[in-house]
Amino acid sequence: MKKIVKSILLTICLVSIFLFSHQPATVSTKTSTGTIKTVVSVFYRNISNSELEEIVSIYETFIRKTAHLIIYLILGILTYIFVIEFMDNYKKAYLFSLLFCLLYAISDELHQYFIPGRSNEIRDVLIDCLGSTIGISIIYTIQKLKSRGERHERKNKQKFI
């Protein structure tokens, strides 16, 4: 059952990335700017339209690139927890997960080449890979620490027997 849940979560993440990438530039930009405007409006109730537009122009690229990083961080985590179900070697699962996320990031940018107004950028692949690497490294480290703690616990139990 765990494998099914993990595969569903991973599939949802992959499809989400695909659908975001499949949006034409006008829709994607509208989503980003709309999100920024909503967040800013929550914190600054009496802001003028010109001030709001200035804030959007300053932060839009940062928000878009941060979104890349975060969604691929999530993808990295979900990929690793799925892959480790089929591998008993943490390092191999780590490397396989990195490779999978890299290939998905490349395919995602190639996909955007065919979408009106979108571009494919090496910078985005690098940001995506950074996010994946962070996510995979977090879950890998947690798993290694957990495993180390379990081994230490077993060792201590053996001393008392």
Protein backbone atom coordinates (compact mmCIF):
# COMPACT_ATOMS: atom_id res chain seq x y z
CA MET A 1 0.00 0.00 0.00
CA LYS A 2 2.86 2.38 0.81
CA LYS A 3 4.32 1.90 -2.67
CA ILE A 4 0.99 2.78 -4.26
CA VAL A 5 0.64 5.97 -2.20
CA LYS A 6 4.23 6.98 -2.95
CA SER A 7 3.76 6.33 -6.67
CA ILE A 8 0.53 8.37 -6.69
CA LEU A 9 2.22 11.32 -4.93
CA LEU A 10 5.18 11.18 -7.32
CA THR A 11 2.85 11.03 -10.32
CA ILE A 12 0.84 14.01 -9.05
CA CYS A 13 4.06 16.03 -8.72
CA LEU A 14 5.27 15.05 -12.21
CA VAL A 15 1.90 15.88 -13.77
CA SER A 16 1.77 19.20 -11.90
CA ILE A 17 5.15 20.21 -13.28
CA PHE A 18 4.07 19.17 -16.77
CA LEU A 19 0.83 21.16 -16.53
CA PHE A 20 2.61 24.29 -15.25
CA SER A 21 5.08 23.99 -18.12
CA HIS A 22 2.28 23.46 -20.61
CA GLN A 23 0.73 26.86 -19.85
CA PRO A 24 1.31 29.49 -22.54
CA ALA A 25 3.50 32.40 -21.39
CA THR A 26 0.52 34.73 -20.95
CA VAL A 27 -1.23 32.31 -18.57
CA SER A 28 1.96 31.53 -16.67
CA THR A 29 2.77 35.22 -16.23
CA LYS A 30 -0.78 35.98 -15.14
CA THR A 31 -0.54 33.23 -12.51
CA SER A 32 2.76 34.54 -11.15
CA THR A 33 1.76 38.18 -11.07
CA GLY A 34 -1.65 37.31 -9.62
CA THR A 35 -0.01 35.40 -6.80
CA ILE A 36 2.37 38.26 -6.02
CA LYS A 37 -0.47 40.82 -6.10
CA THR A 38 -2.57 38.71 -3.76
CA VAL A 39 0.23 38.25 -1.25
CA VAL A 40 1.23 41.93 -1.34
CA SER A 41 -2.39 43.03 -0.98
CA VAL A 42 -2.72 40.96 2.20
CA PHE A 43 0.20 42.77 3.82
CA TYR A 44 -0.33 46.24 2.33
CA ARG A 45 -4.03 47.07 2.17
CA ASN A 46 -3.70 50.68 0.98
CA ILE A 47 -1.17 50.20 -1.79
CA SER A 48 -1.62 52.04 -5.08
CA ASN A 49 -1.73 50.20 -8.42
CA SER A 50 1.53 51.79 -9.53
CA GLU A 51 3.28 50.68 -6.33
CA LEU A 52 1.81 47.21 -6.73
CA GLU A 53 3.03 46.96 -10.34
CA GLU A 54 6.49 48.11 -9.26
CA ILE A 55 6.64 45.40 -6.60
CA VAL A 56 5.49 42.81 -9.16
CA SER A 57 8.20 43.86 -11.60
CA ILE A 58 10.85 43.62 -8.89
CA TYR A 59 9.87 40.23 -7.51
CA GLU A 60 8.33 38.34 -10.42
CA THR A 61 11.53 36.63 -11.61
CA PHE A 62 12.54 35.80 -8.04
CA ILE A 63 9.13 34.25 -7.31
CA ARG A 64 9.14 32.24 -10.55
CA LYS A 65 12.62 30.85 -9.94
CA THR A 66 11.81 30.11 -6.30
CA ALA A 67 8.74 28.18 -7.49
CA HIS A 68 11.03 26.12 -9.75
CA LEU A 69 13.32 25.37 -6.83
CA ILE A 70 10.48 24.41 -4.48
CA ILE A 71 8.54 22.16 -6.87
CA TYR A 72 11.74 20.32 -7.79
CA LEU A 73 12.72 20.07 -4.11
CA ILE A 74 9.38 18.31 -3.59
CA LEU A 75 9.99 16.18 -6.69
CA GLY A 76 13.40 15.18 -5.32
CA ILE A 77 11.92 14.09 -1.99
CA LEU A 78 9.07 12.17 -3.61
CA THR A 79 11.39 10.53 -6.14
CA TYR A 80 13.81 9.36 -3.45
CA ILE A 81 11.14 7.97 -1.13
CA PHE A 82 9.66 6.10 -4.10
CA VAL A 83 13.00 4.80 -5.44
CA ILE A 84 14.26 3.62 -2.04
CA GLU A 85 11.29 1.21 -1.95
CA PHE A 86 12.98 -0.73 -4.76
CA MET A 87 16.63 -0.37 -3.75
CA ASP A 88 18.38 -1.42 -0.58
CA ASN A 89 21.35 0.88 -1.16
CA TYR A 90 20.89 4.50 -0.08
CA LYS A 91 23.69 5.82 -2.28
CA LYS A 92 22.36 4.14 -5.41
CA ALA A 93 18.86 5.43 -4.65
CA TYR A 94 20.35 8.91 -4.14
CA LEU A 95 22.19 8.85 -7.47
CA PHE A 96 19.27 7.32 -9.37
CA SER A 97 16.93 9.97 -7.94
CA LEU A 98 19.32 12.75 -8.94
CA LEU A 99 19.60 11.37 -12.46
CA PHE A 100 15.83 10.98 -12.80
CA CYS A 101 15.20 14.57 -11.62
CA LEU A 102 17.91 15.92 -13.94
CA LEU A 103 16.38 14.13 -16.93
CA TYR A 104 12.91 15.33 -15.98
CA ALA A 105 14.16 18.92 -15.66
CA ILE A 106 15.76 18.70 -19.11
CA SER A 107 12.62 17.20 -20.62
CA ASP A 108 10.54 19.90 -18.92
CA GLU A 109 12.60 22.66 -20.52
CA LEU A 110 12.46 20.92 -23.91
CA HIS A 111 8.70 20.68 -23.51
CA GLN A 112 8.49 24.45 -22.92
CA TYR A 113 10.21 25.06 -26.26
CA PHE A 114 6.99 23.99 -27.98
CA ILE A 115 4.66 26.12 -25.84
CA PRO A 116 3.69 29.57 -27.19
CA GLY A 117 5.75 32.35 -25.64
CA ARG A 118 7.73 30.04 -23.37
CA SER A 119 11.46 29.56 -23.49
CA ASN A 120 13.76 26.78 -22.45
CA GLU A 121 16.66 27.88 -20.32
CA ILE A 122 19.69 26.09 -18.95
CA ARG A 123 19.39 28.35 -15.91
CA ASP A 124 16.02 26.75 -15.11
CA VAL A 125 17.48 23.25 -15.43
CA LEU A 126 20.22 24.27 -12.98
CA ILE A 127 17.66 25.73 -10.54
CA ASP A 128 15.53 22.59 -10.88
CA CYS A 129 18.57 20.40 -10.22
CA LEU A 130 19.50 22.48 -7.19
CA GLY A 131 15.99 22.05 -5.79
CA SER A 132 16.04 18.30 -6.45
CA THR A 133 19.48 17.94 -4.91
CA ILE A 134 18.39 19.79 -1.77
CA GLY A 135 15.24 17.69 -1.46
CA ILE A 136 16.99 14.39 -2.06
CA SER A 137 19.83 15.36 0.30
CA ILE A 138 17.40 16.26 3.08
CA ILE A 139 15.52 12.95 2.91
CA TYR A 140 18.76 10.97 2.37
CA THR A 141 20.36 12.58 5.44
CA ILE A 142 17.27 11.93 7.57
CA GLN A 143 17.23 8.32 6.46
CA LYS A 144 20.94 7.86 7.14
CA LEU A 145 20.62 9.41 10.61
CA LYS A 146 17.60 7.24 11.36
CA SER A 147 19.47 4.14 10.18
CA ARG A 148 22.53 5.07 12.21
CA GLY A 149 20.35 5.57 15.28
CA GLU A 150 18.71 2.17 14.79
CA ARG A 151 22.13 0.47 14.44
CA HIS A 152 23.37 2.25 17.58
CA GLU A 153 20.25 1.13 19.44
CA ARG A 154 20.72 -2.51 18.36
CA LYS A 155 24.38 -2.35 19.40
CA ASN A 156 23.45 -1.06 22.86
CA LYS A 157 20.83 -3.81 23.29
CA GLN A 158 23.44 -6.44 22.43
CA LYS A 159 25.77 -5.08 25.13
CA PHE A 160 23.11 -5.68 27.79
CA ILE A 161 22.28 -9.23 26.68
